[in-house]
Amino acid sequence: MYMENAEQILVIIVSSVLTLFLIVSIIALVYIIKLVKSVKRLSAKAEALTDKAEAMSEFVQHAAGPMLVGKILAGISDHFFSGKTKHKKGE
């Protein structure tokens, strides 16, 4: 009779611990799923930002040559057409 009470107490304790473990596991699983969804959204935003940066880099790379030529031509034209010519005093 004494062993039956001890067995029942152990069964109650084990089942309570398992129930508590199940509840905590379910709650943890819900939070993990939310975290994974959040990470997916963050990675999608990062990928979009990377694509935009890559497109901007390509634009700058393709536009750098013509802009440099334009800047050089503008500097030359400013130098020759500025109207400031140096004359010697004797001339």
PDB file of N, CA and C in Angstrom:
ATOM      1  N   MET A   1       0.823  -1.184   0.000  1.00  0.00           N
ATOM      2  CA  MET A   1       0.000   0.000   0.000  1.00  0.00           C
ATOM      3  C   MET A   1       0.872   1.255   0.000  1.00  0.00           C
ATOM      4  N   TYR A   2       1.965   1.196   0.719  1.00  0.00           N
ATOM      5  CA  TYR A   2       2.853   2.348   0.761  1.00  0.00           C
ATOM      6  C   TYR A   2       3.497   2.580  -0.598  1.00  0.00           C
ATOM      7  N   MET A   3       3.882   1.529  -1.322  1.00  0.00           N
ATOM      8  CA  MET A   3       4.503   1.662  -2.625  1.00  0.00           C
ATOM      9  C   MET A   3       3.527   2.210  -3.651  1.00  0.00           C
ATOM     10  N   GLU A   4       2.252   1.894  -3.531  1.00  0.00           N
ATOM     11  CA  GLU A   4       1.271   2.424  -4.477  1.00  0.00           C
ATOM     12  C   GLU A   4       1.176   3.931  -4.356  1.00  0.00           C
ATOM     13  N   ASN A   5       1.226   4.457  -3.149  1.00  0.00           N
ATOM     14  CA  ASN A   5       1.172   5.909  -2.959  1.00  0.00           C
ATOM     15  C   ASN A   5       2.427   6.580  -3.535  1.00  0.00           C
ATOM     16  N   ALA A   6       3.563   5.948  -3.311  1.00  0.00           N
ATOM     17  CA  ALA A   6       4.804   6.507  -3.844  1.00  0.00           C
ATOM     18  C   ALA A   6       4.795   6.482  -5.370  1.00  0.00           C
ATOM     19  N   GLU A   7       4.284   5.412  -5.947  1.00  0.00           N
ATOM     20  CA  GLU A   7       4.202   5.316  -7.404  1.00  0.00           C
ATOM     21  C   GLU A   7       3.258   6.370  -7.957  1.00  0.00           C
ATOM     22  N   GLN A   8       2.138   6.563  -7.293  1.00  0.00           N
ATOM     23  CA  GLN A   8       1.179   7.577  -7.750  1.00  0.00           C
ATOM     24  C   GLN A   8       1.774   8.981  -7.659  1.00  0.00           C
ATOM     25  N   ILE A   9       2.513   9.230  -6.578  1.00  0.00           N
ATOM     26  CA  ILE A   9       3.148  10.555  -6.426  1.00  0.00           C
ATOM     27  C   ILE A   9       4.193  10.761  -7.520  1.00  0.00           C
ATOM     28  N   LEU A  10       4.988   9.738  -7.798  1.00  0.00           N
ATOM     29  CA  LEU A  10       5.987   9.851  -8.860  1.00  0.00           C
ATOM     30  C   LEU A  10       5.328  10.041 -10.223  1.00  0.00           C
ATOM     31  N   VAL A  11       4.258   9.342 -10.490  1.00  0.00           N
ATOM     32  CA  VAL A  11       3.540   9.494 -11.765  1.00  0.00           C
ATOM     33  C   VAL A  11       2.993  10.914 -11.885  1.00  0.00           C
ATOM     34  N   ILE A  12       2.451  11.440 -10.811  1.00  0.00           N
ATOM     35  CA  ILE A  12       1.915  12.807 -10.823  1.00  0.00           C
ATOM     36  C   ILE A  12       3.047  13.811 -11.067  1.00  0.00           C
ATOM     37  N   ILE A  13       4.172  13.635 -10.394  1.00  0.00           N
ATOM     38  CA  ILE A  13       5.306  14.555 -10.558  1.00  0.00           C
ATOM     39  C   ILE A  13       5.840  14.493 -11.991  1.00  0.00           C
ATOM     40  N   VAL A  14       6.035  13.280 -12.513  1.00  0.00           N
ATOM     41  CA  VAL A  14       6.569  13.121 -13.876  1.00  0.00           C
ATOM     42  C   VAL A  14       5.594  13.689 -14.903  1.00  0.00           C
ATOM     43  N   SER A  15       4.321  13.423 -14.751  1.00  0.00           N
ATOM     44  CA  SER A  15       3.347  13.941 -15.707  1.00  0.00           C
ATOM     45  C   SER A  15       3.250  15.466 -15.625  1.00  0.00           C
ATOM     46  N   SER A  16       3.379  16.033 -14.425  1.00  0.00           N
ATOM     47  CA  SER A  16       3.366  17.493 -14.279  1.00  0.00           C
ATOM     48  C   SER A  16       4.588  18.114 -14.964  1.00  0.00           C
ATOM     49  N   VAL A  17       5.743  17.501 -14.750  1.00  0.00           N
ATOM     50  CA  VAL A  17       6.958  18.025 -15.384  1.00  0.00           C
ATOM     51  C   VAL A  17       6.855  17.914 -16.907  1.00  0.00           C
ATOM     52  N   LEU A  18       6.359  16.815 -17.410  1.00  0.00           N
ATOM     53  CA  LEU A  18       6.204  16.644 -18.851  1.00  0.00           C
ATOM     54  C   LEU A  18       5.186  17.630 -19.427  1.00  0.00           C
ATOM     55  N   THR A  19       4.124  17.883 -18.709  1.00  0.00           N
ATOM     56  CA  THR A  19       3.130  18.861 -19.154  1.00  0.00           C
ATOM     57  C   THR A  19       3.742  20.253 -19.207  1.00  0.00           C
ATOM     58  N   LEU A  20       4.485  20.594 -18.169  1.00  0.00           N
ATOM     59  CA  LEU A  20       5.148  21.893 -18.132  1.00  0.00           C
ATOM     60  C   LEU A  20       6.164  22.005 -19.268  1.00  0.00           C
ATOM     61  N   PHE A  21       6.928  20.948 -19.508  1.00  0.00           N
ATOM     62  CA  PHE A  21       7.891  20.931 -20.598  1.00  0.00           C
ATOM     63  C   PHE A  21       7.195  21.100 -21.951  1.00  0.00           C
ATOM     64  N   LEU A  22       6.065  20.454 -22.141  1.00  0.00           N
ATOM     65  CA  LEU A  22       5.305  20.568 -23.386  1.00  0.00           C
ATOM     66  C   LEU A  22       4.825  22.003 -23.602  1.00  0.00           C
ATOM     67  N   ILE A  23       4.304  22.628 -22.559  1.00  0.00           N
ATOM     68  CA  ILE A  23       3.813  24.010 -22.667  1.00  0.00           C
ATOM     69  C   ILE A  23       4.968  24.962 -22.991  1.00  0.00           C
ATOM     70  N   VAL A  24       6.080  24.808 -22.294  1.00  0.00           N
ATOM     71  CA  VAL A  24       7.248  25.667 -22.559  1.00  0.00           C
ATOM     72  C   VAL A  24       7.776  25.429 -23.973  1.00  0.00           C
ATOM     73  N   SER A  25       7.772  24.193 -24.427  1.00  0.00           N
ATOM     74  CA  SER A  25       8.238  23.885 -25.786  1.00  0.00           C
ATOM     75  C   SER A  25       7.350  24.533 -26.840  1.00  0.00           C
ATOM     76  N   ILE A  26       6.051  24.498 -26.647  1.00  0.00           N
ATOM     77  CA  ILE A  26       5.117  25.116 -27.590  1.00  0.00           C
ATOM     78  C   ILE A  26       5.337  26.628 -27.642  1.00  0.00           C
ATOM     79  N   ILE A  27       5.478  27.256 -26.485  1.00  0.00           N
ATOM     80  CA  ILE A  27       5.710  28.703 -26.433  1.00  0.00           C
ATOM     81  C   ILE A  27       7.036  29.051 -27.120  1.00  0.00           C
ATOM     82  N   ALA A  28       8.080  28.264 -26.851  1.00  0.00           N
ATOM     83  CA  ALA A  28       9.377  28.507 -27.474  1.00  0.00           C
ATOM     84  C   ALA A  28       9.296  28.329 -28.985  1.00  0.00           C
ATOM     85  N   LEU A  29       8.557  27.343 -29.443  1.00  0.00           N
ATOM     86  CA  LEU A  29       8.394  27.098 -30.863  1.00  0.00           C
ATOM     87  C   LEU A  29       7.688  28.268 -31.549  1.00  0.00           C
ATOM     88  N   VAL A  30       6.682  28.818 -30.904  1.00  0.00           N
ATOM     89  CA  VAL A  30       5.983  29.983 -31.467  1.00  0.00           C
ATOM     90  C   VAL A  30       6.941  31.163 -31.604  1.00  0.00           C
ATOM     91  N   TYR A  31       7.739  31.428 -30.579  1.00  0.00           N
ATOM     92  CA  TYR A  31       8.699  32.531 -30.660  1.00  0.00           C
ATOM     93  C   TYR A  31       9.779  32.277 -31.708  1.00  0.00           C
ATOM     94  N   ILE A  32      10.207  31.041 -31.839  1.00  0.00           N
ATOM     95  CA  ILE A  32      11.216  30.713 -32.858  1.00  0.00           C
ATOM     96  C   ILE A  32      10.649  30.928 -34.254  1.00  0.00           C
ATOM     97  N   ILE A  33       9.404  30.550 -34.476  1.00  0.00           N
ATOM     98  CA  ILE A  33       8.770  30.772 -35.780  1.00  0.00           C
ATOM     99  C   ILE A  33       8.671  32.263 -36.077  1.00  0.00           C
ATOM    100  N   LYS A  34       8.294  33.063 -35.078  1.00  0.00           N
ATOM    101  CA  LYS A  34       8.239  34.514 -35.273  1.00  0.00           C
ATOM    102  C   LYS A  34       9.610  35.076 -35.600  1.00  0.00           C
ATOM    103  N   LEU A  35      10.636  34.586 -34.915  1.00  0.00           N
ATOM    104  CA  LEU A  35      12.002  35.041 -35.157  1.00  0.00           C
ATOM    105  C   LEU A  35      12.467  34.686 -36.567  1.00  0.00           C
ATOM    106  N   VAL A  36      12.144  33.493 -37.026  1.00  0.00           N
ATOM    107  CA  VAL A  36      12.533  33.069 -38.374  1.00  0.00           C
ATOM    108  C   VAL A  36      11.843  33.939 -39.419  1.00  0.00           C
ATOM    109  N   LYS A  37      10.572  34.246 -39.220  1.00  0.00           N
ATOM    110  CA  LYS A  37       9.859  35.121 -40.161  1.00  0.00           C
ATOM    111  C   LYS A  37      10.480  36.509 -40.178  1.00  0.00           C
ATOM    112  N   SER A  38      10.850  37.000 -39.016  1.00  0.00           N
ATOM    113  CA  SER A  38      11.484  38.311 -38.935  1.00  0.00           C
ATOM    114  C   SER A  38      12.834  38.317 -39.648  1.00  0.00           C
ATOM    115  N   VAL A  39      13.605  37.260 -39.477  1.00  0.00           N
ATOM    116  CA  VAL A  39      14.901  37.160 -40.147  1.00  0.00           C
ATOM    117  C   VAL A  39      14.713  37.081 -41.655  1.00  0.00           C
ATOM    118  N   LYS A  40      13.683  36.383 -42.110  1.00  0.00           N
ATOM    119  CA  LYS A  40      13.404  36.302 -43.549  1.00  0.00           C
ATOM    120  C   LYS A  40      13.080  37.682 -44.110  1.00  0.00           C
ATOM    121  N   ARG A  41      12.246  38.455 -43.400  1.00  0.00           N
ATOM    122  CA  ARG A  41      11.909  39.813 -43.854  1.00  0.00           C
ATOM    123  C   ARG A  41      13.163  40.681 -43.890  1.00  0.00           C
ATOM    124  N   LEU A  42      13.988  40.566 -42.859  1.00  0.00           N
ATOM    125  CA  LEU A  42      15.219  41.352 -42.792  1.00  0.00           C
ATOM    126  C   LEU A  42      16.168  40.985 -43.924  1.00  0.00           C
ATOM    127  N   SER A  43      16.295  39.703 -44.218  1.00  0.00           N
ATOM    128  CA  SER A  43      17.191  39.288 -45.303  1.00  0.00           C
ATOM    129  C   SER A  43      16.649  39.736 -46.656  1.00  0.00           C
ATOM    130  N   ALA A  44      15.338  39.750 -46.822  1.00  0.00           N
ATOM    131  CA  ALA A  44      14.748  40.232 -48.078  1.00  0.00           C
ATOM    132  C   ALA A  44      15.031  41.728 -48.253  1.00  0.00           C
ATOM    133  N   LYS A  45      14.909  42.494 -47.169  1.00  0.00           N
ATOM    134  CA  LYS A  45      15.212  43.926 -47.243  1.00  0.00           C
ATOM    135  C   LYS A  45      16.690  44.141 -47.533  1.00  0.00           C
ATOM    136  N   ALA A  46      17.554  43.365 -46.909  1.00  0.00           N
ATOM    137  CA  ALA A  46      18.989  43.490 -47.150  1.00  0.00           C
ATOM    138  C   ALA A  46      19.326  43.134 -48.593  1.00  0.00           C
ATOM    139  N   GLU A  47      18.666  42.126 -49.129  1.00  0.00           N
ATOM    140  CA  GLU A  47      18.905  41.738 -50.517  1.00  0.00           C
ATOM    141  C   GLU A  47      18.458  42.835 -51.471  1.00  0.00           C
ATOM    142  N   ALA A  48      17.314  43.453 -51.182  1.00  0.00           N
ATOM    143  CA  ALA A  48      16.838  44.557 -52.020  1.00  0.00           C
ATOM    144  C   ALA A  48      17.801  45.736 -51.950  1.00  0.00           C
ATOM    145  N   LEU A  49      18.302  46.027 -50.756  1.00  0.00           N
ATOM    146  CA  LEU A  49      19.268  47.113 -50.595  1.00  0.00           C
ATOM    147  C   LEU A  49      20.560  46.804 -51.346  1.00  0.00           C
ATOM    148  N   THR A  50      20.997  45.571 -51.301  1.00  0.00           N
ATOM    149  CA  THR A  50      22.196  45.170 -52.025  1.00  0.00           C
ATOM    150  C   THR A  50      21.995  45.315 -53.530  1.00  0.00           C
ATOM    151  N   ASP A  51      20.817  44.935 -54.016  1.00  0.00           N
ATOM    152  CA  ASP A  51      20.524  45.083 -55.443  1.00  0.00           C
ATOM    153  C   ASP A  51      20.551  46.556 -55.853  1.00  0.00           C
ATOM    154  N   LYS A  52      19.983  47.418 -55.015  1.00  0.00           N
ATOM    155  CA  LYS A  52      19.993  48.854 -55.319  1.00  0.00           C
ATOM    156  C   LYS A  52      21.412  49.400 -55.315  1.00  0.00           C
ATOM    157  N   ALA A  53      22.216  48.984 -54.354  1.00  0.00           N
ATOM    158  CA  ALA A  53      23.599  49.443 -54.293  1.00  0.00           C
ATOM    159  C   ALA A  53      24.382  48.946 -55.505  1.00  0.00           C
ATOM    160  N   GLU A  54      24.112  47.736 -55.931  1.00  0.00           N
ATOM    161  CA  GLU A  54      24.792  47.196 -57.107  1.00  0.00           C
ATOM    162  C   GLU A  54      24.406  47.968 -58.359  1.00  0.00           C
ATOM    163  N   ALA A  55      23.121  48.296 -58.480  1.00  0.00           N
ATOM    164  CA  ALA A  55      22.668  49.076 -59.630  1.00  0.00           C
ATOM    165  C   ALA A  55      23.297  50.470 -59.618  1.00  0.00           C
ATOM    166  N   MET A  56      23.383  51.069 -58.451  1.00  0.00           N
ATOM    167  CA  MET A  56      23.999  52.392 -58.335  1.00  0.00           C
ATOM    168  C   MET A  56      25.483  52.317 -58.681  1.00  0.00           C
ATOM    169  N   SER A  57      26.146  51.261 -58.245  1.00  0.00           N
ATOM    170  CA  SER A  57      27.560  51.075 -58.543  1.00  0.00           C
ATOM    171  C   SER A  57      27.775  50.931 -60.049  1.00  0.00           C
ATOM    172  N   GLU A  58      26.929  50.164 -60.711  1.00  0.00           N
ATOM    173  CA  GLU A  58      27.034  50.015 -62.161  1.00  0.00           C
ATOM    174  C   GLU A  58      26.811  51.348 -62.861  1.00  0.00           C
ATOM    175  N   PHE A  59      25.836  52.127 -62.379  1.00  0.00           N
ATOM    176  CA  PHE A  59      25.566  53.439 -62.974  1.00  0.00           C
ATOM    177  C   PHE A  59      26.782  54.343 -62.845  1.00  0.00           C
ATOM    178  N   VAL A  60      27.360  54.392 -61.663  1.00  0.00           N
ATOM    179  CA  VAL A  60      28.527  55.245 -61.437  1.00  0.00           C
ATOM    180  C   VAL A  60      29.697  54.760 -62.285  1.00  0.00           C
ATOM    181  N   GLN A  61      29.841  53.458 -62.379  1.00  0.00           N
ATOM    182  CA  GLN A  61      30.937  52.894 -63.158  1.00  0.00           C
ATOM    183  C   GLN A  61      30.788  53.258 -64.635  1.00  0.00           C
ATOM    184  N   HIS A  62      29.565  53.193 -65.160  1.00  0.00           N
ATOM    185  CA  HIS A  62      29.351  53.511 -66.566  1.00  0.00           C
ATOM    186  C   HIS A  62      29.367  55.020 -66.811  1.00  0.00           C
ATOM    187  N   ALA A  63      29.009  55.802 -65.818  1.00  0.00           N
ATOM    188  CA  ALA A  63      28.938  57.254 -65.999  1.00  0.00           C
ATOM    189  C   ALA A  63      30.256  57.933 -65.641  1.00  0.00           C
ATOM    190  N   ALA A  64      31.145  57.263 -64.973  1.00  0.00           N
ATOM    191  CA  ALA A  64      32.387  57.898 -64.514  1.00  0.00           C
ATOM    192  C   ALA A  64      33.257  58.332 -65.685  1.00  0.00           C
ATOM    193  N   GLY A  65      33.374  57.510 -66.707  1.00  0.00           N
ATOM    194  CA  GLY A  65      34.189  57.857 -67.868  1.00  0.00           C
ATOM    195  C   GLY A  65      33.685  59.103 -68.577  1.00  0.00           C
ATOM    196  N   PRO A  66      32.414  59.132 -68.986  1.00  0.00           N
ATOM    197  CA  PRO A  66      31.902  60.337 -69.655  1.00  0.00           C
ATOM    198  C   PRO A  66      31.934  61.575 -68.760  1.00  0.00           C
ATOM    199  N   MET A  67      31.690  61.405 -67.457  1.00  0.00           N
ATOM    200  CA  MET A  67      31.737  62.570 -66.577  1.00  0.00           C
ATOM    201  C   MET A  67      33.156  63.109 -66.472  1.00  0.00           C
ATOM    202  N   LEU A  68      34.141  62.220 -66.449  1.00  0.00           N
ATOM    203  CA  LEU A  68      35.527  62.655 -66.371  1.00  0.00           C
ATOM    204  C   LEU A  68      35.927  63.398 -67.638  1.00  0.00           C
ATOM    205  N   VAL A  69      35.522  62.870 -68.786  1.00  0.00           N
ATOM    206  CA  VAL A  69      35.809  63.552 -70.055  1.00  0.00           C
ATOM    207  C   VAL A  69      35.120  64.910 -70.078  1.00  0.00           C
ATOM    208  N   GLY A  70      33.885  64.969 -69.628  1.00  0.00           N
ATOM    209  CA  GLY A  70      33.164  66.242 -69.586  1.00  0.00           C
ATOM    210  C   GLY A  70      33.836  67.242 -68.659  1.00  0.00           C
ATOM    211  N   LYS A  71      34.316  66.779 -67.557  1.00  0.00           N
ATOM    212  CA  LYS A  71      34.994  67.670 -66.604  1.00  0.00           C
ATOM    213  C   LYS A  71      36.287  68.207 -67.202  1.00  0.00           C
ATOM    214  N   ILE A  72      37.038  67.347 -67.884  1.00  0.00           N
ATOM    215  CA  ILE A  72      38.277  67.789 -68.520  1.00  0.00           C
ATOM    216  C   ILE A  72      37.975  68.812 -69.614  1.00  0.00           C
ATOM    217  N   LEU A  73      36.962  68.530 -70.444  1.00  0.00           N
ATOM    218  CA  LEU A  73      36.594  69.476 -71.502  1.00  0.00           C
ATOM    219  C   LEU A  73      36.105  70.797 -70.918  1.00  0.00           C
ATOM    220  N   ALA A  74      35.365  70.746 -69.832  1.00  0.00           N
ATOM    221  CA  ALA A  74      34.902  71.977 -69.187  1.00  0.00           C
ATOM    222  C   ALA A  74      36.072  72.778 -68.649  1.00  0.00           C
ATOM    223  N   GLY A  75      37.049  72.104 -68.081  1.00  0.00           N
ATOM    224  CA  GLY A  75      38.238  72.796 -67.579  1.00  0.00           C
ATOM    225  C   GLY A  75      39.032  73.444 -68.702  1.00  0.00           C
ATOM    226  N   ILE A  76      39.158  72.732 -69.815  1.00  0.00           N
ATOM    227  CA  ILE A  76      39.884  73.293 -70.964  1.00  0.00           C
ATOM    228  C   ILE A  76      39.133  74.490 -71.533  1.00  0.00           C
ATOM    229  N   SER A  77      37.828  74.353 -71.682  1.00  0.00           N
ATOM    230  CA  SER A  77      37.055  75.466 -72.244  1.00  0.00           C
ATOM    231  C   SER A  77      37.071  76.663 -71.297  1.00  0.00           C
ATOM    232  N   ASP A  78      37.017  76.428 -69.998  1.00  0.00           N
ATOM    233  CA  ASP A  78      37.113  77.552 -69.054  1.00  0.00           C
ATOM    234  C   ASP A  78      38.465  78.238 -69.168  1.00  0.00           C
ATOM    235  N   HIS A  79      39.492  77.465 -69.364  1.00  0.00           N
ATOM    236  CA  HIS A  79      40.840  78.027 -69.470  1.00  0.00           C
ATOM    237  C   HIS A  79      40.985  78.878 -70.739  1.00  0.00           C
ATOM    238  N   PHE A  80      40.491  78.385 -71.858  1.00  0.00           N
ATOM    239  CA  PHE A  80      40.684  79.091 -73.118  1.00  0.00           C
ATOM    240  C   PHE A  80      39.659  80.200 -73.352  1.00  0.00           C
ATOM    241  N   PHE A  81      38.459  80.050 -72.847  1.00  0.00           N
ATOM    242  CA  PHE A  81      37.415  81.020 -73.136  1.00  0.00           C
ATOM    243  C   PHE A  81      37.072  81.907 -71.944  1.00  0.00           C
ATOM    244  N   SER A  82      37.919  81.953 -70.957  1.00  0.00           N
ATOM    245  CA  SER A  82      37.619  82.760 -69.778  1.00  0.00           C
ATOM    246  C   SER A  82      37.800  84.245 -70.040  1.00  0.00           C
ATOM    247  N   GLY A  83      38.519  84.626 -71.112  1.00  0.00           N
ATOM    248  CA  GLY A  83      38.727  86.032 -71.423  1.00  0.00           C
ATOM    249  C   GLY A  83      39.889  86.620 -70.662  1.00  0.00           C
ATOM    250  N   LYS A  84      40.518  85.854 -69.869  1.00  0.00           N
ATOM    251  CA  LYS A  84      41.660  86.327 -69.087  1.00  0.00           C
ATOM    252  C   LYS A  84      42.928  85.831 -69.777  1.00  0.00           C
ATOM    253  N   THR A  85      43.412  86.594 -70.669  1.00  0.00           N
ATOM    254  CA  THR A  85      44.653  86.231 -71.336  1.00  0.00           C
ATOM    255  C   THR A  85      45.762  87.086 -70.771  1.00  0.00           C
ATOM    256  N   LYS A  86      46.902  86.546 -70.671  1.00  0.00           N
ATOM    257  CA  LYS A  86      48.035  87.266 -70.122  1.00  0.00           C
ATOM    258  C   LYS A  86      48.815  87.906 -71.272  1.00  0.00           C
ATOM    259  N   HIS A  87      49.010  89.199 -71.173  1.00  0.00           N
ATOM    260  CA  HIS A  87      49.784  89.909 -72.169  1.00  0.00           C
ATOM    261  C   HIS A  87      51.026  90.463 -71.491  1.00  0.00           C
ATOM    262  N   LYS A  88      52.059  90.492 -72.242  1.00  0.00           N
ATOM    263  CA  LYS A  88      53.277  91.108 -71.719  1.00  0.00           C
ATOM    264  C   LYS A  88      53.116  92.611 -71.800  1.00  0.00           C
ATOM    265  N   LYS A  89      53.736  93.370 -70.895  1.00  0.00           N
ATOM    266  CA  LYS A  89      53.576  94.824 -70.836  1.00  0.00           C
ATOM    267  C   LYS A  89      54.114  95.504 -72.082  1.00  0.00           C
ATOM    268  N   GLY A  90      55.064  94.928 -72.679  1.00  0.00           N
ATOM    269  CA  GLY A  90      55.671  95.562 -73.844  1.00  0.00           C
ATOM    270  C   GLY A  90      54.848  95.381 -75.105  1.00  0.00           C
ATOM    271  N   GLU A  91      53.899  94.574 -75.178  1.00  0.00           N
ATOM    272  CA  GLU A  91      53.174  94.281 -76.408  1.00  0.00           C
ATOM    273  C   GLU A  91      51.982  95.122 -76.568  1.00  0.00           C
TER     274      GLU A  91
END
